[in-house]
Amino acid sequence: MQEFLNAGTAFPAVLFGAALAVVVFFWLLVLVGAADHHSFDGDLGTGMAGVGGVPVTVTVSVMVVVGWFTSLTGTVLLHRSAVTGLTRAGLACAVLAGALLISWTVTRVLVRLVRRRFPEEPPPSRQDFLGRICTIRTGSVSSDFGQAEVAAADGSTAIVQVRLLGSANAVHGADGTDGAKGAHGADGTELTALTSGSAGLLYAYDDEGEFFWVSPYDRALDPGPPRSG
């Protein structure tokens, strides 16, 4: 045990030991909710080093742990050798360089395995809501006011800002094409307004105003998913 303690406080293992202490302290803060494991994702670019695709804190933690173990092993072996003086100092520097190289290589391999097992999915976009049916949640919708609830592909819902173009006496079909002015629903009622609980079709998005253009929609016109056979 004393041999490992001596090696852990000697160069170069002591450098990785200090870094390991910082890593352990950080993850303790994460466990108690005082820090977030994504804290440094925007500060460090790991893609060029071939270790991107996972949180930076995870990448650095793995590199530190592997580097500490490698440098500790190398330092123990160095202490058991009979070399002294400049030769020993040179070998200690070689252990440091080797520990850095091995830690980077091991981390890169592990990151590749993780990315292959869990491929990165594109972040959700407001464009994903285009063509979806929404439910109006405000008393009315006009050219400058309105909100609606829409469901995403994963089943989650969101409240979005919607606007109605003019009087919008047009009905959009499931393919997003405009119907005729003064169109009627399946029950013969004219779809001329959007009120709370009404169904609407999100057919366009305004990037500047950050809202969706919506039109009245009759759910009875939706043929539903295609049937097999």
Protein backbone atom coordinates (compact mmCIF):
# COMPACT_ATOMS: atom_id res chain seq x y z
CA MET A 1 0.00 0.00 0.00
CA GLN A 2 2.82 2.37 0.87
CA GLU A 3 4.29 1.77 -2.57
CA PHE A 4 1.10 2.98 -4.28
CA LEU A 5 0.85 5.99 -1.96
CA ASN A 6 4.40 6.98 -2.80
CA ALA A 7 3.70 6.52 -6.51
CA GLY A 8 0.45 8.49 -6.28
CA THR A 9 2.21 11.51 -4.83
CA ALA A 10 5.10 11.40 -7.28
CA PHE A 11 5.39 12.84 -10.77
CA PRO A 12 3.54 12.27 -13.09
CA ALA A 13 0.76 10.41 -11.22
CA VAL A 14 0.26 13.35 -8.87
CA LEU A 15 -0.92 15.50 -11.80
CA PHE A 16 -3.68 13.07 -12.72
CA GLY A 17 -4.44 12.57 -9.03
CA ALA A 18 -5.20 16.28 -8.63
CA ALA A 19 -7.38 16.20 -11.74
CA LEU A 20 -9.16 13.11 -10.43
CA ALA A 21 -9.96 14.92 -7.17
CA VAL A 22 -11.56 17.75 -9.16
CA VAL A 23 -13.58 15.25 -11.22
CA VAL A 24 -14.85 13.44 -8.12
CA PHE A 25 -15.82 16.75 -6.49
CA PHE A 26 -17.69 17.84 -9.63
CA TRP A 27 -19.75 14.64 -9.81
CA LEU A 28 -20.58 14.97 -6.13
CA LEU A 29 -22.00 18.40 -6.94
CA VAL A 30 -24.02 16.83 -9.77
CA LEU A 31 -25.41 14.21 -7.41
CA VAL A 32 -26.65 16.85 -4.96
CA GLY A 33 -28.07 19.00 -7.78
CA ALA A 34 -25.59 21.85 -7.44
CA ALA A 35 -24.16 21.34 -10.95
CA ASP A 36 -25.26 20.03 -14.33
CA HIS A 37 -23.30 17.42 -16.27
CA HIS A 38 -23.89 19.48 -19.45
CA SER A 39 -22.34 22.59 -17.87
CA PHE A 40 -19.32 22.78 -20.19
CA ASP A 41 -20.80 21.47 -23.45
CA GLY A 42 -20.77 24.93 -25.01
CA ASP A 43 -17.32 25.89 -23.72
CA LEU A 44 -15.15 23.09 -25.09
CA GLY A 45 -15.14 21.66 -28.60
CA THR A 46 -14.32 17.94 -28.50
CA GLY A 47 -15.37 17.06 -32.04
CA MET A 48 -11.98 17.84 -33.56
CA ALA A 49 -10.30 15.50 -31.06
CA GLY A 50 -12.59 12.65 -32.07
CA VAL A 51 -14.30 12.48 -28.68
CA GLY A 52 -17.40 14.54 -29.41
CA GLY A 53 -20.99 13.33 -29.28
CA VAL A 54 -21.15 12.87 -25.49
CA PRO A 55 -21.17 15.44 -22.68
CA VAL A 56 -17.77 17.09 -22.23
CA THR A 57 -17.81 16.31 -18.52
CA VAL A 58 -18.15 12.59 -19.24
CA THR A 59 -15.35 12.69 -21.81
CA VAL A 60 -12.96 14.54 -19.51
CA SER A 61 -13.84 12.30 -16.56
CA VAL A 62 -13.05 9.13 -18.53
CA MET A 63 -9.77 10.60 -19.77
CA VAL A 64 -8.74 11.60 -16.26
CA VAL A 65 -9.57 8.21 -14.74
CA VAL A 66 -7.75 6.28 -17.47
CA GLY A 67 -4.82 8.70 -17.36
CA TRP A 68 -4.56 8.45 -13.56
CA PHE A 69 -4.56 4.65 -13.58
CA THR A 70 -2.02 4.50 -16.43
CA SER A 71 0.30 7.06 -14.87
CA LEU A 72 0.05 5.38 -11.46
CA THR A 73 0.98 2.02 -12.96
CA GLY A 74 3.87 3.57 -14.87
CA THR A 75 5.11 5.41 -11.78
CA VAL A 76 5.04 2.23 -9.69
CA LEU A 77 7.07 0.39 -12.33
CA LEU A 78 9.45 3.34 -12.55
CA HIS A 79 10.00 3.31 -8.78
CA ARG A 80 10.77 -0.41 -8.91
CA SER A 81 13.46 0.15 -11.52
CA ALA A 82 17.03 1.00 -10.65
CA VAL A 83 17.30 4.08 -12.90
CA THR A 84 18.07 7.46 -11.35
CA GLY A 85 18.94 10.99 -12.31
CA LEU A 86 18.17 12.36 -15.77
CA THR A 87 17.21 8.95 -17.09
CA ARG A 88 14.53 8.59 -14.46
CA ALA A 89 13.25 12.11 -15.15
CA GLY A 90 13.09 11.34 -18.86
CA LEU A 91 11.21 8.10 -18.21
CA ALA A 92 8.78 9.97 -15.95
CA CYS A 93 8.06 12.39 -18.78
CA ALA A 94 7.58 9.40 -21.09
CA VAL A 95 5.07 7.95 -18.61
CA LEU A 96 3.19 11.24 -18.65
CA ALA A 97 3.08 11.33 -22.46
CA GLY A 98 2.06 7.67 -22.60
CA ALA A 99 -0.71 8.19 -20.04
CA LEU A 100 -2.09 11.10 -22.06
CA LEU A 101 -1.99 9.10 -25.30
CA ILE A 102 -3.56 5.99 -23.78
CA SER A 103 -6.30 7.97 -22.03
CA TRP A 104 -7.19 9.79 -25.26
CA THR A 105 -7.19 6.55 -27.27
CA VAL A 106 -9.34 4.65 -24.77
CA THR A 107 -11.77 7.56 -24.47
CA ARG A 108 -12.04 7.87 -28.23
CA VAL A 109 -12.84 4.17 -28.62
CA LEU A 110 -15.45 4.30 -25.85
CA VAL A 111 -17.07 7.42 -27.34
CA ARG A 112 -17.31 5.75 -30.74
CA LEU A 113 -18.99 2.73 -29.17
CA VAL A 114 -21.47 4.96 -27.34
CA ARG A 115 -22.26 6.97 -30.49
CA ARG A 116 -22.77 3.76 -32.46
CA ARG A 117 -25.02 2.32 -29.76
CA PHE A 118 -26.92 5.57 -29.13
CA PRO A 119 -26.90 7.64 -32.34
CA GLU A 120 -27.43 11.35 -31.84
CA GLU A 121 -30.92 12.51 -32.81
CA PRO A 122 -31.53 15.93 -34.32
CA PRO A 123 -32.99 18.41 -31.83
CA PRO A 124 -36.72 19.10 -32.08
CA SER A 125 -37.71 21.95 -34.37
CA ARG A 126 -40.82 24.03 -34.75
CA GLN A 127 -40.86 22.95 -38.37
CA ASP A 128 -41.84 19.49 -37.09
CA PHE A 129 -45.29 20.87 -36.29
CA LEU A 130 -46.04 21.88 -39.87
CA GLY A 131 -48.91 19.86 -41.33
CA ARG A 132 -50.15 18.80 -37.91
CA ILE A 133 -53.64 19.26 -36.52
CA CYS A 134 -53.93 21.55 -33.52
CA THR A 135 -56.64 22.44 -31.02
CA ILE A 136 -57.38 26.11 -30.43
CA ARG A 137 -56.97 27.12 -26.78
CA THR A 138 -57.99 30.78 -26.95
CA GLY A 139 -61.50 32.17 -27.33
CA SER A 140 -60.76 33.20 -30.91
CA VAL A 141 -57.92 33.46 -33.41
CA SER A 142 -57.17 36.54 -35.51
CA SER A 143 -54.33 37.91 -37.59
CA ASP A 144 -52.54 39.14 -34.45
CA PHE A 145 -53.70 36.85 -31.62
CA GLY A 146 -54.21 33.18 -30.89
CA GLN A 147 -52.80 30.08 -29.22
CA ALA A 148 -53.21 26.40 -29.94
CA GLU A 149 -52.14 23.06 -28.51
CA VAL A 150 -50.36 20.65 -30.85
CA ALA A 151 -48.98 17.17 -30.30
CA ALA A 152 -45.47 16.21 -31.44
CA ALA A 153 -44.52 12.88 -32.98
CA ASP A 154 -43.37 11.54 -29.60
CA GLY A 155 -46.76 12.28 -28.05
CA SER A 156 -45.73 15.36 -26.09
CA THR A 157 -47.82 18.51 -26.45
CA ALA A 158 -46.91 22.17 -26.75
CA ILE A 159 -48.73 25.49 -26.77
CA VAL A 160 -47.83 27.51 -29.87
CA GLN A 161 -48.73 30.94 -31.15
CA VAL A 162 -51.09 30.84 -34.14
CA ARG A 163 -52.48 33.45 -36.51
CA LEU A 164 -55.41 33.38 -38.93
CA LEU A 165 -54.91 35.01 -42.33
CA GLY A 166 -57.75 37.45 -42.97
CA SER A 167 -61.15 35.93 -42.39
CA ALA A 168 -59.62 32.62 -43.49
CA ASN A 169 -62.80 31.15 -44.90
CA ALA A 170 -60.65 28.44 -46.41
CA VAL A 171 -60.18 24.92 -45.19
CA HIS A 172 -56.88 23.10 -45.57
CA GLY A 173 -56.86 19.41 -46.24
CA ALA A 174 -54.50 16.89 -44.70
CA ASP A 175 -51.97 17.62 -47.45
CA GLY A 176 -51.89 21.34 -46.55
CA THR A 177 -53.55 22.53 -49.80
CA ASP A 178 -56.05 25.39 -49.71
CA GLY A 179 -59.71 24.59 -50.12
CA ALA A 180 -62.33 26.87 -51.62
CA LYS A 181 -63.58 30.01 -49.89
CA GLY A 182 -66.62 29.40 -47.72
CA ALA A 183 -65.88 25.67 -47.48
CA HIS A 184 -68.17 23.48 -45.44
CA GLY A 185 -67.47 20.64 -43.02
CA ALA A 186 -68.72 17.09 -43.34
CA ASP A 187 -71.88 18.00 -41.44
CA GLY A 188 -72.64 20.93 -43.73
CA THR A 189 -71.61 23.69 -41.35
CA GLU A 190 -69.48 26.49 -42.75
CA LEU A 191 -65.96 26.67 -41.28
CA THR A 192 -65.42 30.41 -41.05
CA ALA A 193 -63.89 30.95 -37.60
CA LEU A 194 -61.63 29.37 -35.06
CA THR A 195 -62.80 29.32 -31.45
CA SER A 196 -61.69 27.49 -28.32
CA GLY A 197 -61.76 23.74 -28.96
CA SER A 198 -61.81 24.11 -32.76
CA ALA A 199 -59.45 22.06 -34.90
CA GLY A 200 -56.94 23.84 -37.09
CA LEU A 201 -54.18 22.91 -39.49
CA LEU A 202 -50.71 24.43 -39.07
CA TYR A 203 -49.65 25.03 -42.66
CA ALA A 204 -46.83 27.63 -42.41
CA TYR A 205 -44.42 29.15 -39.91
CA ASP A 206 -43.38 32.79 -39.64
CA ASP A 207 -39.76 32.95 -38.45
CA GLU A 208 -39.85 36.69 -37.78
CA GLY A 209 -43.05 36.67 -35.75
CA GLU A 210 -42.42 33.20 -34.29
CA PHE A 211 -45.96 31.98 -34.92
CA PHE A 212 -47.78 29.46 -37.11
CA TRP A 213 -50.34 30.27 -39.75
CA VAL A 214 -53.44 28.19 -39.10
CA SER A 215 -56.61 27.47 -41.05
CA PRO A 216 -59.93 25.89 -40.02
CA TYR A 217 -59.90 22.12 -40.37
CA ASP A 218 -62.65 19.53 -40.34
CA ARG A 219 -61.41 16.35 -38.67
CA ALA A 220 -63.99 14.36 -40.64
CA LEU A 221 -62.01 15.14 -43.81
CA ASP A 222 -58.91 13.39 -42.46
CA PRO A 223 -58.69 9.96 -44.09
CA GLY A 224 -56.32 8.77 -41.36
CA PRO A 225 -53.29 6.56 -41.87
CA PRO A 226 -53.27 4.34 -44.96
CA ARG A 227 -54.53 0.82 -44.44
CA SER A 228 -52.43 -2.17 -45.40
CA GLY A 229 -53.73 -4.72 -47.88
